[in-house]
Amino acid sequence: MSVTQQPAPGSGPGPDAGGDDAADRLRDRISADSLTTRRDYLRIVATVSGGLAIGGVGVASGILHRHGDSETAPEAKKVTDQLAPGESVAFRYPGDEDRALAVRLGDGSLVAYSAVCTHLACAVLWREDRGPEGELYCPCHEGVFDARTGEVTAGPPPRPLPRIFLTEQADGSVWAIATARSGESAKEALCRQFGDSRPDMAQRLGCPGAARAVESRRT
């Protein structure tokens, strides 16, 4: 269950439970709307006014803003105090307008991604009840992403979800510390963001030029 989607008091499975796909889709759209800001709606309206085809090409080709575009490491941010298996939490990272979603998978793994669909920027939701590990789901156009990798598994999204790197402290709190662009490897992302500011970390990661940077700081 997502910590951002609590069941209504007194609700429970009715006689049509499990058989009403339309009701499920409506619930997902309502949940997506709750994660979509007024500015997001204005952007969607503007896209429709200008032509969905043009908007889709803009997102796919990288003309529009993408999550994690900064070349420098963002400031670490606390995501939540605790996150139990099967739960998710919505947050903003690296900027205040960057919607994100963190999930604790059933085996205890922590994953986090941009919560903006790479198709037409609708909100992405966590659905624990879908598939063996759950899935990340965009109800606008039935886009589906693998919860463990962020890769597209169904629907129209052209690219995987940008990843967010998390760390868990001894007290159980979860922190976001860096981002990756869509399709970028962890090493590439961390070297890009920490290569200059943290040469010691860059050297451990094997980033190009890291050893020289560490040696120059010592001399």
N, C-alpha and C. Protein backbone atom coordinates (compact mmCIF):
# COMPACT_ATOMS: atom_id res chain seq x y z
N MET A 1 0.85 -1.20 0.00
CA MET A 1 0.00 0.00 0.00
C MET A 1 0.88 1.24 0.00
N SER A 2 0.54 2.19 -0.81
CA SER A 2 1.29 3.43 -0.82
C SER A 2 0.93 4.28 0.38
N VAL A 3 1.91 4.93 0.98
CA VAL A 3 1.61 5.80 2.11
C VAL A 3 0.93 7.05 1.65
N THR A 4 0.89 7.28 0.34
CA THR A 4 0.20 8.46 -0.20
C THR A 4 -1.21 8.13 -0.64
N GLN A 5 -1.61 6.85 -0.55
CA GLN A 5 -2.93 6.45 -0.98
C GLN A 5 -3.56 5.58 0.09
N GLN A 6 -4.23 6.18 1.03
CA GLN A 6 -4.83 5.44 2.12
C GLN A 6 -6.25 5.01 1.74
N PRO A 7 -6.68 3.81 2.12
CA PRO A 7 -8.04 3.37 1.81
C PRO A 7 -9.06 4.20 2.56
N ALA A 8 -10.20 4.42 1.93
CA ALA A 8 -11.27 5.19 2.57
C ALA A 8 -11.80 4.43 3.77
N PRO A 9 -12.16 5.13 4.85
CA PRO A 9 -12.68 4.46 6.04
C PRO A 9 -13.90 3.62 5.70
N GLY A 10 -13.90 2.37 6.19
CA GLY A 10 -15.05 1.51 5.98
C GLY A 10 -15.08 0.84 4.64
N SER A 11 -14.06 1.15 3.77
CA SER A 11 -14.09 0.54 2.45
C SER A 11 -13.60 -0.89 2.53
N GLY A 12 -13.96 -1.69 1.60
CA GLY A 12 -13.56 -3.09 1.57
C GLY A 12 -13.99 -3.71 0.29
N PRO A 13 -13.60 -4.94 0.02
CA PRO A 13 -13.98 -5.60 -1.22
C PRO A 13 -15.48 -5.81 -1.31
N GLY A 14 -16.09 -5.38 -2.40
CA GLY A 14 -17.52 -5.57 -2.61
C GLY A 14 -17.77 -6.75 -3.51
N PRO A 15 -18.99 -6.92 -3.98
CA PRO A 15 -19.33 -8.07 -4.80
C PRO A 15 -18.63 -8.04 -6.14
N ASP A 16 -18.18 -6.83 -6.60
CA ASP A 16 -17.52 -6.74 -7.90
C ASP A 16 -16.02 -6.66 -7.78
N ALA A 17 -15.46 -6.92 -6.56
CA ALA A 17 -14.01 -6.77 -6.34
C ALA A 17 -13.25 -7.63 -7.31
N GLY A 18 -12.19 -7.04 -7.91
CA GLY A 18 -11.33 -7.78 -8.82
C GLY A 18 -11.86 -7.83 -10.23
N GLY A 19 -13.09 -7.38 -10.47
CA GLY A 19 -13.64 -7.50 -11.81
C GLY A 19 -13.96 -6.19 -12.47
N ASP A 20 -13.79 -5.10 -11.77
CA ASP A 20 -14.20 -3.81 -12.33
C ASP A 20 -12.96 -3.03 -12.74
N ASP A 21 -12.43 -3.31 -13.95
CA ASP A 21 -11.23 -2.63 -14.43
C ASP A 21 -11.47 -1.14 -14.60
N ALA A 22 -12.69 -0.77 -15.03
CA ALA A 22 -12.98 0.64 -15.23
C ALA A 22 -12.87 1.41 -13.92
N ALA A 23 -13.34 0.80 -12.84
CA ALA A 23 -13.25 1.45 -11.53
C ALA A 23 -11.81 1.61 -11.10
N ASP A 24 -10.98 0.58 -11.40
CA ASP A 24 -9.55 0.67 -11.06
C ASP A 24 -8.89 1.81 -11.81
N ARG A 25 -9.21 1.91 -13.10
CA ARG A 25 -8.60 2.98 -13.90
C ARG A 25 -9.04 4.35 -13.40
N LEU A 26 -10.33 4.48 -13.02
CA LEU A 26 -10.81 5.74 -12.50
C LEU A 26 -10.10 6.11 -11.21
N ARG A 27 -9.89 5.11 -10.34
CA ARG A 27 -9.18 5.36 -9.08
C ARG A 27 -7.75 5.81 -9.35
N ASP A 28 -7.11 5.17 -10.33
CA ASP A 28 -5.74 5.54 -10.68
C ASP A 28 -5.68 6.96 -11.21
N ARG A 29 -6.66 7.33 -12.03
CA ARG A 29 -6.66 8.69 -12.58
C ARG A 29 -6.85 9.73 -11.47
N ILE A 30 -7.72 9.40 -10.50
CA ILE A 30 -7.92 10.32 -9.37
C ILE A 30 -6.64 10.45 -8.57
N SER A 31 -5.95 9.31 -8.34
CA SER A 31 -4.69 9.34 -7.61
C SER A 31 -3.65 10.14 -8.38
N ALA A 32 -3.62 9.96 -9.70
CA ALA A 32 -2.66 10.71 -10.50
C ALA A 32 -2.94 12.20 -10.42
N ASP A 33 -4.23 12.55 -10.45
CA ASP A 33 -4.58 13.96 -10.35
C ASP A 33 -4.10 14.56 -9.05
N SER A 34 -4.13 13.78 -7.97
CA SER A 34 -3.72 14.31 -6.67
C SER A 34 -2.24 14.61 -6.63
N LEU A 35 -1.45 13.98 -7.52
CA LEU A 35 -0.02 14.22 -7.57
C LEU A 35 0.35 15.26 -8.62
N THR A 36 -0.65 15.75 -9.34
CA THR A 36 -0.38 16.70 -10.42
C THR A 36 -0.70 18.11 -9.96
N THR A 37 0.26 18.99 -10.04
CA THR A 37 0.08 20.35 -9.57
C THR A 37 -0.66 21.19 -10.60
N ARG A 38 -1.06 22.39 -10.16
CA ARG A 38 -1.75 23.30 -11.08
C ARG A 38 -0.87 23.65 -12.26
N ARG A 39 0.41 23.83 -11.99
CA ARG A 39 1.34 24.14 -13.07
C ARG A 39 1.41 22.99 -14.06
N ASP A 40 1.35 21.74 -13.56
CA ASP A 40 1.36 20.58 -14.44
C ASP A 40 0.14 20.59 -15.36
N TYR A 41 -1.03 20.92 -14.77
CA TYR A 41 -2.24 20.97 -15.58
C TYR A 41 -2.12 22.03 -16.67
N LEU A 42 -1.57 23.20 -16.31
CA LEU A 42 -1.41 24.25 -17.31
C LEU A 42 -0.47 23.80 -18.43
N ARG A 43 0.58 23.05 -18.06
CA ARG A 43 1.50 22.57 -19.09
C ARG A 43 0.79 21.57 -20.00
N ILE A 44 -0.03 20.69 -19.41
CA ILE A 44 -0.76 19.72 -20.22
C ILE A 44 -1.74 20.42 -21.16
N VAL A 45 -2.45 21.43 -20.64
CA VAL A 45 -3.39 22.18 -21.47
C VAL A 45 -2.66 22.85 -22.62
N ALA A 46 -1.50 23.44 -22.31
CA ALA A 46 -0.72 24.09 -23.35
C ALA A 46 -0.26 23.10 -24.41
N THR A 47 0.08 21.89 -23.97
CA THR A 47 0.50 20.85 -24.91
C THR A 47 -0.63 20.48 -25.85
N VAL A 48 -1.84 20.33 -25.26
CA VAL A 48 -3.00 19.99 -26.07
C VAL A 48 -3.30 21.11 -27.06
N SER A 49 -3.23 22.37 -26.61
CA SER A 49 -3.50 23.50 -27.47
C SER A 49 -2.51 23.57 -28.62
N GLY A 50 -1.26 23.20 -28.35
CA GLY A 50 -0.25 23.28 -29.39
C GLY A 50 -0.15 22.04 -30.24
N GLY A 51 -0.88 20.98 -29.86
CA GLY A 51 -0.83 19.74 -30.63
C GLY A 51 -0.11 18.66 -29.85
N LEU A 52 -0.79 17.53 -29.60
CA LEU A 52 -0.19 16.45 -28.84
C LEU A 52 1.02 15.87 -29.55
N ALA A 53 1.00 15.86 -30.86
CA ALA A 53 2.13 15.30 -31.60
C ALA A 53 3.39 16.11 -31.35
N ILE A 54 3.27 17.43 -31.37
CA ILE A 54 4.43 18.29 -31.13
C ILE A 54 4.92 18.11 -29.71
N GLY A 55 3.99 18.03 -28.74
CA GLY A 55 4.37 17.85 -27.35
C GLY A 55 5.09 16.53 -27.14
N GLY A 56 4.59 15.46 -27.77
CA GLY A 56 5.23 14.16 -27.63
C GLY A 56 6.64 14.15 -28.20
N VAL A 57 6.83 14.79 -29.36
CA VAL A 57 8.16 14.87 -29.95
C VAL A 57 9.10 15.66 -29.06
N GLY A 58 8.58 16.73 -28.44
CA GLY A 58 9.40 17.57 -27.57
C GLY A 58 9.91 16.80 -26.37
N VAL A 59 9.05 16.00 -25.74
CA VAL A 59 9.47 15.21 -24.58
C VAL A 59 10.47 14.15 -24.99
N ALA A 60 10.17 13.45 -26.09
CA ALA A 60 11.03 12.35 -26.52
C ALA A 60 12.41 12.83 -26.96
N SER A 61 12.48 14.01 -27.58
CA SER A 61 13.76 14.48 -28.12
C SER A 61 14.58 15.27 -27.11
N GLY A 62 14.01 15.54 -25.93
CA GLY A 62 14.77 16.21 -24.89
C GLY A 62 14.67 17.72 -24.93
N ILE A 63 13.73 18.29 -25.72
CA ILE A 63 13.58 19.74 -25.77
C ILE A 63 13.07 20.25 -24.43
N LEU A 64 12.13 19.52 -23.81
CA LEU A 64 11.56 19.94 -22.54
C LEU A 64 12.48 19.54 -21.39
N HIS A 65 12.26 20.15 -20.23
CA HIS A 65 13.07 19.87 -19.04
C HIS A 65 12.98 18.39 -18.68
N ARG A 66 14.13 17.81 -18.37
CA ARG A 66 14.18 16.43 -17.92
C ARG A 66 14.70 16.36 -16.50
N HIS A 67 14.24 15.37 -15.79
CA HIS A 67 14.65 15.16 -14.41
C HIS A 67 16.15 14.90 -14.32
N GLY A 68 16.83 15.59 -13.39
CA GLY A 68 18.24 15.32 -13.16
C GLY A 68 19.19 15.89 -14.18
N ASP A 69 18.81 16.99 -14.83
CA ASP A 69 19.66 17.57 -15.88
C ASP A 69 20.91 18.26 -15.34
N SER A 70 20.93 18.59 -14.06
CA SER A 70 22.05 19.35 -13.49
C SER A 70 23.35 18.57 -13.58
N GLU A 71 24.46 19.29 -13.82
CA GLU A 71 25.78 18.67 -13.89
C GLU A 71 26.42 18.54 -12.51
N THR A 72 25.85 19.17 -11.51
CA THR A 72 26.41 19.12 -10.16
C THR A 72 25.51 18.29 -9.25
N ALA A 73 26.11 17.79 -8.17
CA ALA A 73 25.35 16.96 -7.24
C ALA A 73 24.30 17.78 -6.50
N PRO A 74 23.05 17.35 -6.48
CA PRO A 74 22.03 18.07 -5.72
C PRO A 74 22.26 17.89 -4.22
N GLU A 75 21.67 18.76 -3.45
CA GLU A 75 21.77 18.64 -2.00
C GLU A 75 20.98 17.43 -1.52
N ALA A 76 21.55 16.66 -0.60
CA ALA A 76 20.86 15.50 -0.06
C ALA A 76 19.55 15.94 0.61
N LYS A 77 18.52 15.11 0.48
CA LYS A 77 17.21 15.47 1.02
C LYS A 77 16.57 14.25 1.68
N LYS A 78 16.03 14.48 2.88
CA LYS A 78 15.34 13.40 3.58
C LYS A 78 14.01 13.10 2.89
N VAL A 79 13.80 11.82 2.56
CA VAL A 79 12.58 11.41 1.87
C VAL A 79 11.50 11.01 2.86
N THR A 80 11.87 10.21 3.86
CA THR A 80 10.90 9.73 4.84
C THR A 80 11.63 9.19 6.06
N ASP A 81 10.93 9.13 7.18
CA ASP A 81 11.52 8.58 8.41
C ASP A 81 11.65 7.06 8.34
N GLN A 82 10.67 6.41 7.73
CA GLN A 82 10.66 4.95 7.63
C GLN A 82 9.93 4.58 6.34
N LEU A 83 10.29 3.43 5.77
CA LEU A 83 9.58 2.94 4.59
C LEU A 83 9.56 1.42 4.65
N ALA A 84 8.37 0.85 4.85
CA ALA A 84 8.22 -0.60 5.01
C ALA A 84 8.10 -1.28 3.65
N PRO A 85 8.39 -2.58 3.55
CA PRO A 85 8.23 -3.31 2.29
C PRO A 85 6.82 -3.17 1.74
N GLY A 86 6.75 -2.90 0.44
CA GLY A 86 5.46 -2.73 -0.22
C GLY A 86 4.91 -1.33 -0.16
N GLU A 87 5.57 -0.44 0.57
CA GLU A 87 5.09 0.94 0.68
C GLU A 87 5.84 1.85 -0.28
N SER A 88 5.21 2.97 -0.61
CA SER A 88 5.84 3.99 -1.43
C SER A 88 5.58 5.35 -0.81
N VAL A 89 6.36 6.33 -1.20
CA VAL A 89 6.15 7.68 -0.73
C VAL A 89 6.50 8.66 -1.86
N ALA A 90 5.65 9.65 -2.06
CA ALA A 90 5.89 10.69 -3.05
C ALA A 90 6.71 11.81 -2.41
N PHE A 91 7.65 12.35 -3.15
CA PHE A 91 8.45 13.46 -2.65
C PHE A 91 8.90 14.31 -3.82
N ARG A 92 9.67 15.35 -3.55
CA ARG A 92 10.17 16.25 -4.59
C ARG A 92 11.69 16.24 -4.57
N TYR A 93 12.30 15.93 -5.74
CA TYR A 93 13.75 15.88 -5.79
C TYR A 93 14.19 15.76 -7.25
N PRO A 94 15.27 16.45 -7.66
CA PRO A 94 16.17 17.27 -6.84
C PRO A 94 15.65 18.69 -6.57
N GLY A 95 14.70 19.16 -7.39
CA GLY A 95 14.13 20.48 -7.18
C GLY A 95 12.73 20.39 -6.60
N ASP A 96 12.19 21.53 -6.19
CA ASP A 96 10.86 21.56 -5.58
C ASP A 96 9.75 21.22 -6.58
N GLU A 97 10.05 21.29 -7.88
CA GLU A 97 9.04 20.99 -8.89
C GLU A 97 9.27 19.62 -9.54
N ASP A 98 10.25 18.89 -9.05
CA ASP A 98 10.56 17.58 -9.62
C ASP A 98 9.87 16.49 -8.81
N ARG A 99 8.77 15.96 -9.34
CA ARG A 99 8.02 14.91 -8.64
C ARG A 99 8.79 13.60 -8.68
N ALA A 100 8.81 12.90 -7.56
CA ALA A 100 9.56 11.66 -7.45
C ALA A 100 8.79 10.66 -6.60
N LEU A 101 9.20 9.40 -6.69
CA LEU A 101 8.51 8.33 -5.98
C LEU A 101 9.55 7.33 -5.48
N ALA A 102 9.52 7.05 -4.18
CA ALA A 102 10.41 6.04 -3.59
C ALA A 102 9.57 4.82 -3.19
N VAL A 103 10.15 3.63 -3.39
CA VAL A 103 9.43 2.38 -3.11
C VAL A 103 10.36 1.42 -2.38
N ARG A 104 9.82 0.75 -1.38
CA ARG A 104 10.52 -0.36 -0.73
C ARG A 104 9.93 -1.65 -1.31
N LEU A 105 10.74 -2.38 -2.10
CA LEU A 105 10.26 -3.62 -2.69
C LEU A 105 10.12 -4.71 -1.63
N GLY A 106 9.49 -5.82 -2.02
CA GLY A 106 9.20 -6.88 -1.06
C GLY A 106 10.43 -7.48 -0.42
N ASP A 107 11.57 -7.48 -1.15
CA ASP A 107 12.79 -8.06 -0.59
C ASP A 107 13.60 -7.05 0.22
N GLY A 108 13.04 -5.86 0.43
CA GLY A 108 13.71 -4.84 1.23
C GLY A 108 14.49 -3.84 0.43
N SER A 109 14.65 -4.04 -0.88
CA SER A 109 15.40 -3.11 -1.72
C SER A 109 14.69 -1.76 -1.80
N LEU A 110 15.49 -0.71 -1.83
CA LEU A 110 14.96 0.64 -1.99
C LEU A 110 15.21 1.12 -3.41
N VAL A 111 14.17 1.63 -4.05
CA VAL A 111 14.32 2.21 -5.38
C VAL A 111 13.56 3.54 -5.41
N ALA A 112 14.00 4.42 -6.29
CA ALA A 112 13.30 5.69 -6.45
C ALA A 112 13.49 6.19 -7.88
N TYR A 113 12.47 6.86 -8.39
CA TYR A 113 12.49 7.34 -9.76
C TYR A 113 11.74 8.67 -9.84
N SER A 114 11.98 9.36 -10.95
CA SER A 114 11.11 10.48 -11.28
C SER A 114 9.69 9.94 -11.42
N ALA A 115 8.71 10.69 -10.90
CA ALA A 115 7.31 10.27 -11.00
C ALA A 115 6.61 10.95 -12.16
N VAL A 116 7.38 11.39 -13.16
CA VAL A 116 6.84 12.03 -14.35
C VAL A 116 7.01 11.06 -15.52
N CYS A 117 5.92 10.62 -16.10
CA CYS A 117 5.98 9.67 -17.20
C CYS A 117 6.77 10.26 -18.37
N THR A 118 7.60 9.45 -18.99
CA THR A 118 8.42 9.92 -20.11
C THR A 118 7.63 10.01 -21.41
N HIS A 119 6.33 9.74 -21.35
CA HIS A 119 5.49 9.89 -22.54
C HIS A 119 5.00 11.33 -22.66
N LEU A 120 4.02 11.70 -21.83
CA LEU A 120 3.48 13.07 -21.88
C LEU A 120 3.39 13.69 -20.50
N ALA A 121 4.29 13.32 -19.60
CA ALA A 121 4.48 13.97 -18.30
C ALA A 121 3.33 13.79 -17.33
N CYS A 122 2.53 12.74 -17.46
CA CYS A 122 1.52 12.44 -16.44
C CYS A 122 2.20 11.85 -15.20
N ALA A 123 1.46 11.79 -14.09
CA ALA A 123 2.02 11.28 -12.84
C ALA A 123 2.11 9.75 -12.87
N VAL A 124 3.23 9.23 -12.40
CA VAL A 124 3.45 7.79 -12.30
C VAL A 124 3.13 7.33 -10.88
N LEU A 125 2.43 6.21 -10.77
CA LEU A 125 1.99 5.68 -9.48
C LEU A 125 2.61 4.32 -9.21
N TRP A 126 2.71 3.97 -7.93
CA TRP A 126 3.17 2.64 -7.53
C TRP A 126 1.96 1.75 -7.32
N ARG A 127 1.96 0.57 -7.97
CA ARG A 127 0.88 -0.39 -7.80
C ARG A 127 1.46 -1.71 -7.29
N GLU A 128 1.36 -1.93 -5.99
CA GLU A 128 1.91 -3.15 -5.38
C GLU A 128 1.18 -4.40 -5.87
N ASP A 129 -0.10 -4.25 -6.25
CA ASP A 129 -0.92 -5.39 -6.61
C ASP A 129 -0.71 -5.87 -8.04
N ARG A 130 0.18 -5.23 -8.79
CA ARG A 130 0.39 -5.60 -10.19
C ARG A 130 1.73 -6.32 -10.34
N GLY A 131 1.70 -7.56 -10.81
CA GLY A 131 2.92 -8.30 -11.06
C GLY A 131 3.55 -8.83 -9.78
N PRO A 132 4.60 -9.68 -9.93
CA PRO A 132 5.22 -10.30 -8.75
C PRO A 132 5.94 -9.31 -7.85
N GLU A 133 6.44 -8.19 -8.40
CA GLU A 133 7.14 -7.20 -7.59
C GLU A 133 6.44 -5.86 -7.56
N GLY A 134 5.20 -5.80 -8.08
CA GLY A 134 4.54 -4.53 -8.25
C GLY A 134 5.07 -3.84 -9.49
N GLU A 135 4.50 -2.69 -9.82
CA GLU A 135 4.97 -1.98 -10.99
C GLU A 135 4.70 -0.49 -10.84
N LEU A 136 5.38 0.29 -11.64
CA LEU A 136 5.16 1.72 -11.73
C LEU A 136 4.27 1.96 -12.94
N TYR A 137 3.19 2.69 -12.72
CA TYR A 137 2.10 2.71 -13.69
C TYR A 137 1.63 4.13 -13.96
N CYS A 138 1.50 4.46 -15.24
CA CYS A 138 0.93 5.75 -15.65
C CYS A 138 -0.47 5.52 -16.18
N PRO A 139 -1.50 5.96 -15.49
CA PRO A 139 -2.88 5.67 -15.90
C PRO A 139 -3.35 6.48 -17.10
N CYS A 140 -2.63 7.52 -17.48
CA CYS A 140 -3.10 8.37 -18.58
C CYS A 140 -3.15 7.61 -19.91
N HIS A 141 -2.09 6.85 -20.19
CA HIS A 141 -2.03 6.11 -21.46
C HIS A 141 -1.54 4.68 -21.26
N GLU A 142 -1.76 4.15 -20.05
CA GLU A 142 -1.43 2.76 -19.73
C GLU A 142 0.07 2.46 -19.90
N GLY A 143 0.90 3.39 -19.50
CA GLY A 143 2.34 3.15 -19.51
C GLY A 143 2.75 2.37 -18.28
N VAL A 144 3.68 1.42 -18.44
CA VAL A 144 4.12 0.57 -17.33
C VAL A 144 5.65 0.53 -17.31
N PHE A 145 6.21 0.65 -16.11
CA PHE A 145 7.66 0.62 -15.91
C PHE A 145 8.01 -0.45 -14.89
N ASP A 146 9.14 -1.12 -15.11
CA ASP A 146 9.63 -2.12 -14.17
C ASP A 146 10.03 -1.45 -12.86
N ALA A 147 9.52 -1.97 -11.76
CA ALA A 147 9.77 -1.33 -10.46
C ALA A 147 11.23 -1.42 -10.04
N ARG A 148 11.94 -2.47 -10.46
CA ARG A 148 13.32 -2.66 -10.02
C ARG A 148 14.32 -1.86 -10.87
N THR A 149 13.97 -1.63 -12.14
CA THR A 149 14.92 -0.98 -13.04
C THR A 149 14.44 0.35 -13.62
N GLY A 150 13.13 0.57 -13.62
CA GLY A 150 12.59 1.78 -14.25
C GLY A 150 12.41 1.65 -15.74
N GLU A 151 12.74 0.49 -16.32
CA GLU A 151 12.62 0.29 -17.76
C GLU A 151 11.15 0.19 -18.17
N VAL A 152 10.86 0.59 -19.40
CA VAL A 152 9.50 0.50 -19.94
C VAL A 152 9.17 -0.96 -20.23
N THR A 153 8.01 -1.41 -19.74
CA THR A 153 7.58 -2.78 -20.01
C THR A 153 6.29 -2.84 -20.83
N ALA A 154 5.55 -1.74 -20.92
CA ALA A 154 4.32 -1.72 -21.70
C ALA A 154 3.90 -0.28 -21.95
N GLY A 155 3.12 -0.08 -23.02
CA GLY A 155 2.56 1.23 -23.29
C GLY A 155 3.47 2.12 -24.13
N PRO A 156 3.10 3.40 -24.25
CA PRO A 156 3.80 4.30 -25.18
C PRO A 156 5.05 5.01 -24.67
N PRO A 157 5.42 4.97 -23.38
CA PRO A 157 6.60 5.73 -22.96
C PRO A 157 7.83 5.35 -23.78
N PRO A 158 8.58 6.35 -24.28
CA PRO A 158 9.73 6.06 -25.15
C PRO A 158 11.02 5.77 -24.40
N ARG A 159 11.08 6.13 -23.11
CA ARG A 159 12.33 6.02 -22.37
C ARG A 159 12.04 5.52 -20.95
N PRO A 160 13.04 4.91 -20.29
CA PRO A 160 12.86 4.51 -18.88
C PRO A 160 12.76 5.73 -17.97
N LEU A 161 12.28 5.51 -16.77
CA LEU A 161 12.18 6.59 -15.79
C LEU A 161 13.57 6.97 -15.28
N PRO A 162 13.88 8.26 -15.16
CA PRO A 162 15.14 8.67 -14.53
C PRO A 162 15.20 8.17 -13.09
N ARG A 163 16.36 7.70 -12.72
CA ARG A 163 16.54 7.09 -11.40
C ARG A 163 17.01 8.11 -10.37
N ILE A 164 16.65 7.85 -9.11
CA ILE A 164 17.14 8.65 -7.98
C ILE A 164 17.86 7.69 -7.04
N PHE A 165 19.05 8.09 -6.59
CA PHE A 165 19.85 7.24 -5.71
C PHE A 165 19.50 7.56 -4.26
N LEU A 166 19.24 6.49 -3.49
CA LEU A 166 18.84 6.62 -2.10
C LEU A 166 19.88 6.01 -1.18
N THR A 167 19.89 6.48 0.05
CA THR A 167 20.69 5.86 1.10
C THR A 167 19.84 5.77 2.35
N GLU A 168 20.05 4.74 3.14
CA GLU A 168 19.28 4.54 4.37
C GLU A 168 20.20 4.68 5.57
N GLN A 169 19.80 5.51 6.51
CA GLN A 169 20.60 5.75 7.71
C GLN A 169 20.29 4.70 8.79
N ALA A 170 21.12 4.69 9.82
CA ALA A 170 20.96 3.71 10.90
C ALA A 170 19.61 3.83 11.60
N ASP A 171 19.03 5.02 11.61
CA ASP A 171 17.73 5.22 12.27
C ASP A 171 16.56 4.83 11.37
N GLY A 172 16.85 4.34 10.17
CA GLY A 172 15.79 3.93 9.26
C GLY A 172 15.33 5.00 8.30
N SER A 173 15.82 6.21 8.47
CA SER A 173 15.41 7.30 7.57
C SER A 173 16.02 7.09 6.18
N VAL A 174 15.29 7.51 5.18
CA VAL A 174 15.70 7.34 3.78
C VAL A 174 16.00 8.72 3.18
N TRP A 175 17.15 8.82 2.52
CA TRP A 175 17.60 10.09 1.95
C TRP A 175 17.89 9.94 0.47
N ALA A 176 17.53 10.96 -0.31
CA ALA A 176 17.89 11.03 -1.72
C ALA A 176 19.20 11.80 -1.82
N ILE A 177 20.15 11.28 -2.61
CA ILE A 177 21.48 11.91 -2.64
C ILE A 177 21.96 12.27 -4.05
N ALA A 178 21.36 11.69 -5.09
CA ALA A 178 21.80 11.99 -6.45
C ALA A 178 20.74 11.51 -7.43
N THR A 179 20.90 11.88 -8.69
CA THR A 179 19.95 11.49 -9.73
C THR A 179 20.68 10.93 -10.94
N ALA A 180 19.94 10.28 -11.80
CA ALA A 180 20.47 9.83 -13.09
C ALA A 180 19.48 10.22 -14.18
N ARG A 181 20.00 10.54 -15.33
CA ARG A 181 19.14 10.81 -16.47
C ARG A 181 18.56 9.50 -16.99
N SER A 182 17.51 9.61 -17.78
CA SER A 182 16.88 8.42 -18.34
C SER A 182 17.91 7.62 -19.15
N GLY A 183 18.08 6.34 -18.81
CA GLY A 183 18.99 5.48 -19.53
C GLY A 183 20.45 5.61 -19.14
N GLU A 184 20.79 6.51 -18.22
CA GLU A 184 22.18 6.71 -17.80
C GLU A 184 22.56 5.69 -16.74
N SER A 185 23.76 5.12 -16.85
CA SER A 185 24.20 4.14 -15.86
C SER A 185 24.51 4.83 -14.53
N ALA A 186 24.53 4.03 -13.47
CA ALA A 186 24.82 4.58 -12.14
C ALA A 186 26.20 5.21 -12.11
N LYS A 187 27.20 4.54 -12.71
CA LYS A 187 28.56 5.07 -12.70
C LYS A 187 28.63 6.39 -13.45
N GLU A 188 28.02 6.46 -14.62
CA GLU A 188 28.03 7.71 -15.39
C GLU A 188 27.38 8.85 -14.61
N ALA A 189 26.25 8.55 -13.97
CA ALA A 189 25.52 9.58 -13.23
C ALA A 189 26.31 10.09 -12.04
N LEU A 190 26.88 9.17 -11.26
CA LEU A 190 27.61 9.58 -10.07
C LEU A 190 28.93 10.26 -10.41
N CYS A 191 29.60 9.80 -11.46
CA CYS A 191 30.83 10.47 -11.89
C CYS A 191 30.53 11.89 -12.38
N ARG A 192 29.41 12.05 -13.09
CA ARG A 192 29.03 13.37 -13.59
C ARG A 192 28.78 14.34 -12.45
N GLN A 193 28.14 13.87 -11.40
CA GLN A 193 27.73 14.78 -10.32
C GLN A 193 28.77 14.94 -9.22
N PHE A 194 29.57 13.90 -8.97
CA PHE A 194 30.53 13.96 -7.87
C PHE A 194 31.98 14.01 -8.33
N GLY A 195 32.22 13.93 -9.63
CA GLY A 195 33.58 13.87 -10.13
C GLY A 195 34.44 15.04 -9.72
N ASP A 196 33.88 16.24 -9.72
CA ASP A 196 34.65 17.44 -9.37
C ASP A 196 34.60 17.76 -7.88
N SER A 197 33.43 17.60 -7.27
CA SER A 197 33.26 18.00 -5.87
C SER A 197 33.75 16.94 -4.89
N ARG A 198 33.76 15.68 -5.29
CA ARG A 198 34.18 14.59 -4.40
C ARG A 198 35.16 13.67 -5.13
N PRO A 199 36.38 14.12 -5.35
CA PRO A 199 37.36 13.30 -6.09
C PRO A 199 37.66 11.97 -5.41
N ASP A 200 37.56 11.92 -4.07
CA ASP A 200 37.79 10.65 -3.38
C ASP A 200 36.73 9.62 -3.76
N MET A 201 35.46 10.06 -3.81
CA MET A 201 34.38 9.17 -4.23
C MET A 201 34.54 8.81 -5.69
N ALA A 202 34.91 9.81 -6.51
CA ALA A 202 35.10 9.55 -7.93
C ALA A 202 36.18 8.51 -8.17
N GLN A 203 37.24 8.53 -7.35
CA GLN A 203 38.31 7.55 -7.50
C GLN A 203 37.82 6.15 -7.16
N ARG A 204 37.01 6.03 -6.10
CA ARG A 204 36.46 4.72 -5.73
C ARG A 204 35.55 4.18 -6.82
N LEU A 205 34.85 5.08 -7.51
CA LEU A 205 33.96 4.67 -8.58
C LEU A 205 34.70 4.35 -9.87
N GLY A 206 35.97 4.76 -9.94
CA GLY A 206 36.74 4.56 -11.16
C GLY A 206 36.40 5.55 -12.25
N CYS A 207 36.03 6.77 -11.87
CA CYS A 207 35.68 7.79 -12.84
C CYS A 207 36.92 8.24 -13.62
N PRO A 208 36.78 8.55 -14.90
CA PRO A 208 37.92 9.02 -15.69
C PRO A 208 38.56 10.27 -15.07
N GLY A 209 39.87 10.26 -14.93
CA GLY A 209 40.58 11.41 -14.41
C GLY A 209 40.52 11.57 -12.90
N ALA A 210 39.86 10.65 -12.20
CA ALA A 210 39.69 10.80 -10.76
C ALA A 210 41.02 10.71 -10.02
N ALA A 211 41.87 9.78 -10.42
CA ALA A 211 43.16 9.62 -9.71
C ALA A 211 44.00 10.88 -9.82
N ARG A 212 44.02 11.49 -11.00
CA ARG A 212 44.79 12.72 -11.18
C ARG A 212 44.23 13.85 -10.32
N ALA A 213 42.88 13.92 -10.22
CA ALA A 213 42.27 14.96 -9.41
C ALA A 213 42.62 14.81 -7.93
N VAL A 214 42.63 13.56 -7.44
CA VAL A 214 42.99 13.31 -6.04
C VAL A 214 44.44 13.69 -5.80
N GLU A 215 45.32 13.32 -6.71
CA GLU A 215 46.75 13.61 -6.56
C GLU A 215 47.02 15.11 -6.58
N SER A 216 46.29 15.83 -7.44
CA SER A 216 46.48 17.29 -7.51
C SER A 216 46.04 17.98 -6.23
N ARG A 217 45.06 17.44 -5.56
CA ARG A 217 44.60 18.03 -4.29
C ARG A 217 45.61 17.78 -3.17
N ARG A 218 46.38 16.72 -3.29
CA ARG A 218 47.34 16.40 -2.24
C ARG A 218 48.62 17.23 -2.39
N THR A 219 48.89 17.72 -3.60
CA THR A 219 50.13 18.46 -3.83
C THR A 219 49.91 19.97 -3.73
